[in-house]
């Protein structure tokens, strides 16, 4: 995790939930899921999961836990979630601060 000083077990759980979500809901036939990890200068960990579906119906409801528990659980690890579409699909991003408790 690039020497990230934050709660690594939480980061692994967040990554696991995001990849499972993308594989279940975001994949298009024959498409791949991409994962990117980065550490910011302020020690935030950015976890991006990119799938080939360009929309994300009911994102806010999913984060609130009204449409399953995956994204809601990510917020329980202290992560902030966002998403944005692009020409090849969409990116779901989780940001974890180094001092956030699991």
PDB file of N, CA and C in Angstrom:
ATOM      1  N   UNK A   1       0.835  -1.210   0.000  1.00  0.00           N
ATOM      2  CA  UNK A   1       0.000   0.000   0.000  1.00  0.00           C
ATOM      3  C   UNK A   1       0.870   1.259   0.000  1.00  0.00           C
ATOM      4  N   UNK A   2       2.013   1.214  -0.633  1.00  0.00           N
ATOM      5  CA  UNK A   2       2.883   2.381  -0.813  1.00  0.00           C
ATOM      6  C   UNK A   2       3.379   2.960   0.501  1.00  0.00           C
ATOM      7  N   UNK A   3       3.454   2.176   1.547  1.00  0.00           N
ATOM      8  CA  UNK A   3       3.856   2.692   2.843  1.00  0.00           C
ATOM      9  C   UNK A   3       2.792   3.554   3.483  1.00  0.00           C
ATOM     10  N   UNK A   4       1.557   3.412   3.022  1.00  0.00           N
ATOM     11  CA  UNK A   4       0.450   4.212   3.560  1.00  0.00           C
ATOM     12  C   UNK A   4       0.311   3.948   5.058  1.00  0.00           C
ATOM     13  N   UNK A   5       0.254   5.006   5.887  1.00  0.00           N
ATOM     14  CA  UNK A   5       0.217   4.829   7.337  1.00  0.00           C
ATOM     15  C   UNK A   5      -1.172   4.566   7.904  1.00  0.00           C
ATOM     16  N   UNK A   6      -2.169   4.449   7.054  1.00  0.00           N
ATOM     17  CA  UNK A   6      -3.541   4.251   7.511  1.00  0.00           C
ATOM     18  C   UNK A   6      -3.855   2.801   7.815  1.00  0.00           C
ATOM     19  N   UNK A   7      -5.126   2.531   8.128  1.00  0.00           N
ATOM     20  CA  UNK A   7      -5.556   1.172   8.470  1.00  0.00           C
ATOM     21  C   UNK A   7      -5.635   0.272   7.234  1.00  0.00           C
ATOM     22  N   UNK A   8      -4.563  -0.451   6.978  1.00  0.00           N
ATOM     23  CA  UNK A   8      -4.467  -1.285   5.783  1.00  0.00           C
ATOM     24  C   UNK A   8      -5.583  -2.338   5.714  1.00  0.00           C
ATOM     25  N   UNK A   9      -5.952  -2.997   6.825  1.00  0.00           N
ATOM     26  CA  UNK A   9      -7.061  -3.950   6.722  1.00  0.00           C
ATOM     27  C   UNK A   9      -8.363  -3.293   6.229  1.00  0.00           C
ATOM     28  N   UNK A  10      -8.608  -2.060   6.636  1.00  0.00           N
ATOM     29  CA  UNK A  10      -9.794  -1.340   6.149  1.00  0.00           C
ATOM     30  C   UNK A  10      -9.681  -1.081   4.653  1.00  0.00           C
ATOM     31  N   UNK A  11      -8.497  -0.679   4.204  1.00  0.00           N
ATOM     32  CA  UNK A  11      -8.296  -0.415   2.781  1.00  0.00           C
ATOM     33  C   UNK A  11      -8.515  -1.682   1.957  1.00  0.00           C
ATOM     34  N   UNK A  12      -8.051  -2.806   2.456  1.00  0.00           N
ATOM     35  CA  UNK A  12      -8.242  -4.071   1.744  1.00  0.00           C
ATOM     36  C   UNK A  12      -9.722  -4.421   1.677  1.00  0.00           C
ATOM     37  N   UNK A  13     -10.444  -4.196   2.753  1.00  0.00           N
ATOM     38  CA  UNK A  13     -11.889  -4.465   2.753  1.00  0.00           C
ATOM     39  C   UNK A  13     -12.617  -3.556   1.774  1.00  0.00           C
ATOM     40  N   UNK A  14     -12.246  -2.280   1.751  1.00  0.00           N
ATOM     41  CA  UNK A  14     -12.859  -1.331   0.814  1.00  0.00           C
ATOM     42  C   UNK A  14     -12.597  -1.780  -0.618  1.00  0.00           C
ATOM     43  N   UNK A  15     -11.359  -2.127  -0.925  1.00  0.00           N
ATOM     44  CA  UNK A  15     -11.019  -2.588  -2.270  1.00  0.00           C
ATOM     45  C   UNK A  15     -11.820  -3.837  -2.632  1.00  0.00           C
ATOM     46  N   UNK A  16     -11.924  -4.761  -1.708  1.00  0.00           N
ATOM     47  CA  UNK A  16     -12.692  -5.984  -1.942  1.00  0.00           C
ATOM     48  C   UNK A  16     -14.147  -5.674  -2.276  1.00  0.00           C
ATOM     49  N   UNK A  17     -14.776  -4.807  -1.490  1.00  0.00           N
ATOM     50  CA  UNK A  17     -16.183  -4.460  -1.741  1.00  0.00           C
ATOM     51  C   UNK A  17     -16.354  -3.782  -3.098  1.00  0.00           C
ATOM     52  N   UNK A  18     -15.444  -2.863  -3.439  1.00  0.00           N
ATOM     53  CA  UNK A  18     -15.570  -2.159  -4.715  1.00  0.00           C
ATOM     54  C   UNK A  18     -15.402  -3.109  -5.904  1.00  0.00           C
ATOM     55  N   UNK A  19     -14.447  -4.011  -5.820  1.00  0.00           N
ATOM     56  CA  UNK A  19     -14.230  -4.950  -6.925  1.00  0.00           C
ATOM     57  C   UNK A  19     -15.413  -5.908  -7.059  1.00  0.00           C
ATOM     58  N   UNK A  20     -15.922  -6.388  -5.931  1.00  0.00           N
ATOM     59  CA  UNK A  20     -17.087  -7.274  -5.995  1.00  0.00           C
ATOM     60  C   UNK A  20     -18.289  -6.547  -6.596  1.00  0.00           C
ATOM     61  N   UNK A  21     -18.502  -5.286  -6.192  1.00  0.00           N
ATOM     62  CA  UNK A  21     -19.607  -4.509  -6.752  1.00  0.00           C
ATOM     63  C   UNK A  21     -19.450  -4.349  -8.262  1.00  0.00           C
ATOM     64  N   UNK A  22     -18.251  -3.994  -8.690  1.00  0.00           N
ATOM     65  CA  UNK A  22     -18.009  -3.794 -10.121  1.00  0.00           C
ATOM     66  C   UNK A  22     -18.201  -5.090 -10.892  1.00  0.00           C
ATOM     67  N   UNK A  23     -17.744  -6.196 -10.325  1.00  0.00           N
ATOM     68  CA  UNK A  23     -17.877  -7.454 -11.052  1.00  0.00           C
ATOM     69  C   UNK A  23     -19.326  -7.907 -11.125  1.00  0.00           C
ATOM     70  N   UNK A  24     -20.112  -7.580 -10.119  1.00  0.00           N
ATOM     71  CA  UNK A  24     -21.509  -7.998 -10.120  1.00  0.00           C
ATOM     72  C   UNK A  24     -22.412  -7.057 -10.912  1.00  0.00           C
ATOM     73  N   UNK A  25     -22.196  -5.748 -10.787  1.00  0.00           N
ATOM     74  CA  UNK A  25     -23.133  -4.787 -11.359  1.00  0.00           C
ATOM     75  C   UNK A  25     -22.576  -3.958 -12.513  1.00  0.00           C
ATOM     76  N   UNK A  26     -21.280  -3.876 -12.659  1.00  0.00           N
ATOM     77  CA  UNK A  26     -20.720  -2.951 -13.629  1.00  0.00           C
ATOM     78  C   UNK A  26     -20.119  -3.545 -14.869  1.00  0.00           C
ATOM     79  N   UNK A  27     -20.000  -4.831 -14.921  1.00  0.00           N
ATOM     80  CA  UNK A  27     -19.325  -5.442 -16.062  1.00  0.00           C
ATOM     81  C   UNK A  27     -20.241  -5.552 -17.266  1.00  0.00           C
ATOM     82  N   UNK A  28     -19.665  -5.318 -18.389  1.00  0.00           N
ATOM     83  CA  UNK A  28     -20.309  -5.613 -19.655  1.00  0.00           C
ATOM     84  C   UNK A  28     -19.627  -6.864 -20.185  1.00  0.00           C
ATOM     85  N   UNK A  29     -20.316  -7.635 -20.957  1.00  0.00           N
ATOM     86  CA  UNK A  29     -19.771  -8.910 -21.443  1.00  0.00           C
ATOM     87  C   UNK A  29     -18.392  -8.719 -22.065  1.00  0.00           C
ATOM     88  N   UNK A  30     -17.426  -9.488 -21.586  1.00  0.00           N
ATOM     89  CA  UNK A  30     -16.082  -9.455 -22.141  1.00  0.00           C
ATOM     90  C   UNK A  30     -15.219  -8.299 -21.685  1.00  0.00           C
ATOM     91  N   UNK A  31     -15.740  -7.422 -20.861  1.00  0.00           N
ATOM     92  CA  UNK A  31     -14.973  -6.253 -20.422  1.00  0.00           C
ATOM     93  C   UNK A  31     -14.209  -6.566 -19.137  1.00  0.00           C
ATOM     94  N   UNK A  32     -13.164  -5.819 -18.902  1.00  0.00           N
ATOM     95  CA  UNK A  32     -12.350  -5.996 -17.709  1.00  0.00           C
ATOM     96  C   UNK A  32     -12.646  -4.909 -16.691  1.00  0.00           C
ATOM     97  N   UNK A  33     -12.287  -5.205 -15.454  1.00  0.00           N
ATOM     98  CA  UNK A  33     -12.346  -4.223 -14.371  1.00  0.00           C
ATOM     99  C   UNK A  33     -10.922  -3.767 -14.116  1.00  0.00           C
ATOM    100  N   UNK A  34     -10.747  -2.485 -13.945  1.00  0.00           N
ATOM    101  CA  UNK A  34      -9.421  -1.927 -13.683  1.00  0.00           C
ATOM    102  C   UNK A  34      -9.384  -1.370 -12.266  1.00  0.00           C
ATOM    103  N   UNK A  35      -8.261  -1.535 -11.582  1.00  0.00           N
ATOM    104  CA  UNK A  35      -8.074  -1.015 -10.228  1.00  0.00           C
ATOM    105  C   UNK A  35      -6.851  -0.108 -10.225  1.00  0.00           C
ATOM    106  N   UNK A  36      -6.993   1.043  -9.589  1.00  0.00           N
ATOM    107  CA  UNK A  36      -5.865   1.971  -9.435  1.00  0.00           C
ATOM    108  C   UNK A  36      -5.789   2.394  -7.975  1.00  0.00           C
ATOM    109  N   UNK A  37      -4.594   2.375  -7.439  1.00  0.00           N
ATOM    110  CA  UNK A  37      -4.353   2.837  -6.079  1.00  0.00           C
ATOM    111  C   UNK A  37      -3.349   3.977  -6.145  1.00  0.00           C
ATOM    112  N   UNK A  38      -3.583   4.998  -5.328  1.00  0.00           N
ATOM    113  CA  UNK A  38      -2.651   6.119  -5.263  1.00  0.00           C
ATOM    114  C   UNK A  38      -2.656   6.689  -3.847  1.00  0.00           C
ATOM    115  N   UNK A  39      -1.549   7.265  -3.484  1.00  0.00           N
ATOM    116  CA  UNK A  39      -1.408   7.918  -2.182  1.00  0.00           C
ATOM    117  C   UNK A  39      -1.148   9.395  -2.440  1.00  0.00           C
ATOM    118  N   UNK A  40      -1.931  10.246  -1.789  1.00  0.00           N
ATOM    119  CA  UNK A  40      -1.784  11.677  -1.992  1.00  0.00           C
ATOM    120  C   UNK A  40      -0.702  12.238  -1.060  1.00  0.00           C
ATOM    121  N   UNK A  41      -0.322  13.474  -1.301  1.00  0.00           N
ATOM    122  CA  UNK A  41       0.666  14.137  -0.443  1.00  0.00           C
ATOM    123  C   UNK A  41       0.182  14.276   0.990  1.00  0.00           C
ATOM    124  N   UNK A  42      -1.137  14.316   1.179  1.00  0.00           N
ATOM    125  CA  UNK A  42      -1.697  14.435   2.538  1.00  0.00           C
ATOM    126  C   UNK A  42      -2.015  13.066   3.140  1.00  0.00           C
ATOM    127  N   UNK A  43      -1.465  11.998   2.548  1.00  0.00           N
ATOM    128  CA  UNK A  43      -1.595  10.622   3.030  1.00  0.00           C
ATOM    129  C   UNK A  43      -2.993  10.031   2.910  1.00  0.00           C
ATOM    130  N   UNK A  44      -3.831  10.582   2.038  1.00  0.00           N
ATOM    131  CA  UNK A  44      -5.085   9.907   1.715  1.00  0.00           C
ATOM    132  C   UNK A  44      -4.762   8.774   0.745  1.00  0.00           C
ATOM    133  N   UNK A  45      -5.510   7.702   0.847  1.00  0.00           N
ATOM    134  CA  UNK A  45      -5.388   6.588  -0.100  1.00  0.00           C
ATOM    135  C   UNK A  45      -6.571   6.673  -1.048  1.00  0.00           C
ATOM    136  N   UNK A  46      -6.285   6.723  -2.336  1.00  0.00           N
ATOM    137  CA  UNK A  46      -7.322   6.751  -3.365  1.00  0.00           C
ATOM    138  C   UNK A  46      -7.430   5.359  -3.954  1.00  0.00           C
ATOM    139  N   UNK A  47      -8.628   4.817  -3.913  1.00  0.00           N
ATOM    140  CA  UNK A  47      -8.894   3.506  -4.501  1.00  0.00           C
ATOM    141  C   UNK A  47      -9.915   3.719  -5.603  1.00  0.00           C
ATOM    142  N   UNK A  48      -9.485   3.530  -6.839  1.00  0.00           N
ATOM    143  CA  UNK A  48     -10.369   3.677  -8.003  1.00  0.00           C
ATOM    144  C   UNK A  48     -10.628   2.310  -8.600  1.00  0.00           C
ATOM    145  N   UNK A  49     -11.902   2.022  -8.860  1.00  0.00           N
ATOM    146  CA  UNK A  49     -12.281   0.809  -9.569  1.00  0.00           C
ATOM    147  C   UNK A  49     -13.080   1.245 -10.794  1.00  0.00           C
ATOM    148  N   UNK A  50     -12.590   0.836 -11.953  1.00  0.00           N
ATOM    149  CA  UNK A  50     -13.167   1.273 -13.219  1.00  0.00           C
ATOM    150  C   UNK A  50     -13.824   0.070 -13.896  1.00  0.00           C
ATOM    151  N   UNK A  51     -15.082   0.241 -14.276  1.00  0.00           N
ATOM    152  CA  UNK A  51     -15.761  -0.787 -15.058  1.00  0.00           C
ATOM    153  C   UNK A  51     -16.284  -0.152 -16.333  1.00  0.00           C
ATOM    154  N   UNK A  52     -16.850  -0.941 -17.197  1.00  0.00           N
ATOM    155  CA  UNK A  52     -17.246  -0.458 -18.525  1.00  0.00           C
ATOM    156  C   UNK A  52     -18.685   0.006 -18.629  1.00  0.00           C
ATOM    157  N   UNK A  53     -19.402   0.003 -17.540  1.00  0.00           N
ATOM    158  CA  UNK A  53     -20.767   0.529 -17.558  1.00  0.00           C
ATOM    159  C   UNK A  53     -20.685   2.026 -17.266  1.00  0.00           C
ATOM    160  N   UNK A  54     -21.330   2.859 -18.077  1.00  0.00           N
ATOM    161  CA  UNK A  54     -21.164   4.306 -17.959  1.00  0.00           C
ATOM    162  C   UNK A  54     -22.106   4.965 -16.964  1.00  0.00           C
ATOM    163  N   UNK A  55     -23.129   4.255 -16.511  1.00  0.00           N
ATOM    164  CA  UNK A  55     -24.055   4.883 -15.574  1.00  0.00           C
ATOM    165  C   UNK A  55     -23.941   4.219 -14.202  1.00  0.00           C
ATOM    166  N   UNK A  56     -24.531   4.862 -13.208  1.00  0.00           N
ATOM    167  CA  UNK A  56     -24.586   4.283 -11.866  1.00  0.00           C
ATOM    168  C   UNK A  56     -25.930   4.669 -11.270  1.00  0.00           C
ATOM    169  N   UNK A  57     -26.973   3.907 -11.648  1.00  0.00           N
ATOM    170  CA  UNK A  57     -28.307   4.235 -11.161  1.00  0.00           C
ATOM    171  C   UNK A  57     -28.358   4.174  -9.632  1.00  0.00           C
ATOM    172  N   UNK A  58     -28.957   5.155  -9.048  1.00  0.00           N
ATOM    173  CA  UNK A  58     -29.235   5.182  -7.602  1.00  0.00           C
ATOM    174  C   UNK A  58     -27.978   5.105  -6.742  1.00  0.00           C
ATOM    175  N   UNK A  59     -26.911   5.772  -7.148  1.00  0.00           N
ATOM    176  CA  UNK A  59     -25.659   5.771  -6.379  1.00  0.00           C
ATOM    177  C   UNK A  59     -25.900   6.202  -4.938  1.00  0.00           C
ATOM    178  N   UNK A  60     -26.602   7.325  -4.754  1.00  0.00           N
ATOM    179  CA  UNK A  60     -26.825   7.835  -3.394  1.00  0.00           C
ATOM    180  C   UNK A  60     -27.604   6.843  -2.532  1.00  0.00           C
ATOM    181  N   UNK A  61     -28.584   6.193  -3.122  1.00  0.00           N
ATOM    182  CA  UNK A  61     -29.350   5.187  -2.376  1.00  0.00           C
ATOM    183  C   UNK A  61     -28.480   3.989  -2.017  1.00  0.00           C
ATOM    184  N   UNK A  62     -27.598   3.596  -2.923  1.00  0.00           N
ATOM    185  CA  UNK A  62     -26.702   2.468  -2.646  1.00  0.00           C
ATOM    186  C   UNK A  62     -25.743   2.815  -1.511  1.00  0.00           C
ATOM    187  N   UNK A  63     -25.194   4.023  -1.527  1.00  0.00           N
ATOM    188  CA  UNK A  63     -24.272   4.450  -0.462  1.00  0.00           C
ATOM    189  C   UNK A  63     -24.997   4.521   0.879  1.00  0.00           C
ATOM    190  N   UNK A  64     -26.264   4.916   0.847  1.00  0.00           N
ATOM    191  CA  UNK A  64     -27.048   5.016   2.083  1.00  0.00           C
ATOM    192  C   UNK A  64     -27.483   3.651   2.614  1.00  0.00           C
ATOM    193  N   UNK A  65     -27.278   2.586   1.836  1.00  0.00           N
ATOM    194  CA  UNK A  65     -27.635   1.245   2.283  1.00  0.00           C
ATOM    195  C   UNK A  65     -29.041   0.822   1.940  1.00  0.00           C
ATOM    196  N   UNK A  66     -29.714   1.586   1.074  1.00  0.00           N
ATOM    197  CA  UNK A  66     -31.082   1.251   0.690  1.00  0.00           C
ATOM    198  C   UNK A  66     -31.141   0.238  -0.451  1.00  0.00           C
ATOM    199  N   UNK A  67     -30.015  -0.013  -1.105  1.00  0.00           N
ATOM    200  CA  UNK A  67     -29.955  -0.966  -2.222  1.00  0.00           C
ATOM    201  C   UNK A  67     -28.797  -1.936  -1.992  1.00  0.00           C
ATOM    202  N   UNK A  68     -28.832  -2.673  -0.939  1.00  0.00           N
ATOM    203  CA  UNK A  68     -27.733  -3.564  -0.596  1.00  0.00           C
ATOM    204  C   UNK A  68     -26.831  -2.914   0.434  1.00  0.00           C
ATOM    205  N   UNK A  69     -25.802  -3.628   0.810  1.00  0.00           N
ATOM    206  CA  UNK A  69     -24.934  -3.160   1.893  1.00  0.00           C
ATOM    207  C   UNK A  69     -23.499  -2.870   1.469  1.00  0.00           C
ATOM    208  N   UNK A  70     -23.091  -3.231   0.257  1.00  0.00           N
ATOM    209  CA  UNK A  70     -21.694  -3.110  -0.149  1.00  0.00           C
ATOM    210  C   UNK A  70     -21.136  -1.709  -0.044  1.00  0.00           C
ATOM    211  N   UNK A  71     -21.753  -0.740  -0.726  1.00  0.00           N
ATOM    212  CA  UNK A  71     -21.240   0.620  -0.691  1.00  0.00           C
ATOM    213  C   UNK A  71     -21.444   1.257   0.681  1.00  0.00           C
ATOM    214  N   UNK A  72     -22.549   0.954   1.311  1.00  0.00           N
ATOM    215  CA  UNK A  72     -22.779   1.479   2.662  1.00  0.00           C
ATOM    216  C   UNK A  72     -21.682   0.987   3.604  1.00  0.00           C
ATOM    217  N   UNK A  73     -21.324  -0.281   3.503  1.00  0.00           N
ATOM    218  CA  UNK A  73     -20.280  -0.842   4.374  1.00  0.00           C
ATOM    219  C   UNK A  73     -18.947  -0.120   4.177  1.00  0.00           C
ATOM    220  N   UNK A  74     -18.658   0.269   2.944  1.00  0.00           N
ATOM    221  CA  UNK A  74     -17.423   1.005   2.663  1.00  0.00           C
ATOM    222  C   UNK A  74     -17.380   2.294   3.474  1.00  0.00           C
ATOM    223  N   UNK A  75     -18.514   2.966   3.587  1.00  0.00           N
ATOM    224  CA  UNK A  75     -18.532   4.208   4.375  1.00  0.00           C
ATOM    225  C   UNK A  75     -18.302   3.932   5.856  1.00  0.00           C
ATOM    226  N   UNK A  76     -18.625   2.733   6.314  1.00  0.00           N
ATOM    227  CA  UNK A  76     -18.410   2.381   7.715  1.00  0.00           C
ATOM    228  C   UNK A  76     -16.924   2.221   8.029  1.00  0.00           C
ATOM    229  N   UNK A  77     -16.103   2.040   7.005  1.00  0.00           N
ATOM    230  CA  UNK A  77     -14.650   2.010   7.186  1.00  0.00           C
ATOM    231  C   UNK A  77     -14.056   3.418   7.163  1.00  0.00           C
ATOM    232  N   UNK A  78     -14.904   4.420   7.031  1.00  0.00           N
ATOM    233  CA  UNK A  78     -14.436   5.799   7.028  1.00  0.00           C
ATOM    234  C   UNK A  78     -14.140   6.354   5.653  1.00  0.00           C
ATOM    235  N   UNK A  79     -14.476   5.620   4.615  1.00  0.00           N
ATOM    236  CA  UNK A  79     -14.180   6.076   3.254  1.00  0.00           C
ATOM    237  C   UNK A  79     -15.252   7.036   2.752  1.00  0.00           C
ATOM    238  N   UNK A  80     -14.819   7.946   1.938  1.00  0.00           N
ATOM    239  CA  UNK A  80     -15.717   8.829   1.200  1.00  0.00           C
ATOM    240  C   UNK A  80     -15.819   8.269  -0.214  1.00  0.00           C
ATOM    241  N   UNK A  81     -17.047   8.131  -0.718  1.00  0.00           N
ATOM    242  CA  UNK A  81     -17.276   7.538  -2.034  1.00  0.00           C
ATOM    243  C   UNK A  81     -17.764   8.572  -3.037  1.00  0.00           C
ATOM    244  N   UNK A  82     -17.323   8.405  -4.263  1.00  0.00           N
ATOM    245  CA  UNK A  82     -17.824   9.212  -5.372  1.00  0.00           C
ATOM    246  C   UNK A  82     -17.707   8.371  -6.637  1.00  0.00           C
ATOM    247  N   UNK A  83     -18.313   8.863  -7.712  1.00  0.00           N
ATOM    248  CA  UNK A  83     -18.190   8.195  -8.994  1.00  0.00           C
ATOM    249  C   UNK A  83     -18.286   9.220 -10.105  1.00  0.00           C
ATOM    250  N   UNK A  84     -17.708   8.880 -11.245  1.00  0.00           N
ATOM    251  CA  UNK A  84     -17.856   9.735 -12.421  1.00  0.00           C
ATOM    252  C   UNK A  84     -17.761   8.876 -13.681  1.00  0.00           C
ATOM    253  N   UNK A  85     -18.579   9.237 -14.677  1.00  0.00           N
ATOM    254  CA  UNK A  85     -18.521   8.513 -15.953  1.00  0.00           C
ATOM    255  C   UNK A  85     -17.383   9.060 -16.813  1.00  0.00           C
ATOM    256  N   UNK A  86     -16.925   8.248 -17.730  1.00  0.00           N
ATOM    257  CA  UNK A  86     -16.007   8.721 -18.757  1.00  0.00           C
ATOM    258  C   UNK A  86     -16.310   7.973 -20.048  1.00  0.00           C
ATOM    259  N   UNK A  87     -15.524   8.190 -21.056  1.00  0.00           N
ATOM    260  CA  UNK A  87     -15.845   7.623 -22.366  1.00  0.00           C
ATOM    261  C   UNK A  87     -15.756   6.098 -22.392  1.00  0.00           C
ATOM    262  N   UNK A  88     -15.014   5.505 -21.482  1.00  0.00           N
ATOM    263  CA  UNK A  88     -14.839   4.049 -21.476  1.00  0.00           C
ATOM    264  C   UNK A  88     -15.663   3.338 -20.419  1.00  0.00           C
ATOM    265  N   UNK A  89     -16.378   4.058 -19.595  1.00  0.00           N
ATOM    266  CA  UNK A  89     -17.152   3.446 -18.516  1.00  0.00           C
ATOM    267  C   UNK A  89     -17.322   4.417 -17.368  1.00  0.00           C
ATOM    268  N   UNK A  90     -17.056   3.914 -16.161  1.00  0.00           N
ATOM    269  CA  UNK A  90     -17.139   4.790 -14.996  1.00  0.00           C
ATOM    270  C   UNK A  90     -16.081   4.393 -13.983  1.00  0.00           C
ATOM    271  N   UNK A  91     -15.745   5.364 -13.128  1.00  0.00           N
ATOM    272  CA  UNK A  91     -14.817   5.139 -12.036  1.00  0.00           C
ATOM    273  C   UNK A  91     -15.558   5.356 -10.735  1.00  0.00           C
ATOM    274  N   UNK A  92     -15.455   4.397  -9.836  1.00  0.00           N
ATOM    275  CA  UNK A  92     -15.957   4.564  -8.461  1.00  0.00           C
ATOM    276  C   UNK A  92     -14.715   4.748  -7.605  1.00  0.00           C
ATOM    277  N   UNK A  93     -14.699   5.837  -6.832  1.00  0.00           N
ATOM    278  CA  UNK A  93     -13.524   6.175  -6.019  1.00  0.00           C
ATOM    279  C   UNK A  93     -13.882   6.151  -4.537  1.00  0.00           C
ATOM    280  N   UNK A  94     -13.011   5.519  -3.777  1.00  0.00           N
ATOM    281  CA  UNK A  94     -13.066   5.568  -2.320  1.00  0.00           C
ATOM    282  C   UNK A  94     -11.816   6.294  -1.848  1.00  0.00           C
ATOM    283  N   UNK A  95     -12.005   7.231  -0.929  1.00  0.00           N
ATOM    284  CA  UNK A  95     -10.877   7.967  -0.349  1.00  0.00           C
ATOM    285  C   UNK A  95     -10.833   7.632   1.127  1.00  0.00           C
ATOM    286  N   UNK A  96      -9.690   7.112   1.549  1.00  0.00           N
ATOM    287  CA  UNK A  96      -9.466   6.788   2.956  1.00  0.00           C
ATOM    288  C   UNK A  96      -8.356   7.661   3.494  1.00  0.00           C
ATOM    289  N   UNK A  97      -8.623   8.333   4.610  1.00  0.00           N
ATOM    290  CA  UNK A  97      -7.604   9.125   5.265  1.00  0.00           C
ATOM    291  C   UNK A  97      -6.728   8.253   6.142  1.00  0.00           C
ATOM    292  N   UNK A  98      -5.496   8.654   6.329  1.00  0.00           N
ATOM    293  CA  UNK A  98      -4.552   7.848   7.113  1.00  0.00           C
ATOM    294  C   UNK A  98      -4.947   7.747   8.574  1.00  0.00           C
ATOM    295  N   UNK A  99      -5.709   8.705   9.078  1.00  0.00           N
ATOM    296  CA  UNK A  99      -6.054   8.696  10.498  1.00  0.00           C
ATOM    297  C   UNK A  99      -7.454   8.182  10.764  1.00  0.00           C
ATOM    298  N   UNK A 100      -8.161   7.772   9.734  1.00  0.00           N
ATOM    299  CA  UNK A 100      -9.531   7.289   9.924  1.00  0.00           C
ATOM    300  C   UNK A 100      -9.515   5.916  10.559  1.00  0.00           C
ATOM    301  N   UNK A 101     -10.366   5.758  11.539  1.00  0.00           N
ATOM    302  CA  UNK A 101     -10.458   4.478  12.230  1.00  0.00           C
ATOM    303  C   UNK A 101     -11.349   3.518  11.475  1.00  0.00           C
ATOM    304  N   UNK A 102     -11.066   2.229  11.563  1.00  0.00           N
ATOM    305  CA  UNK A 102     -11.920   1.238  10.896  1.00  0.00           C
ATOM    306  C   UNK A 102     -13.287   1.173  11.525  1.00  0.00           C
TER     307      UNK A 102
END
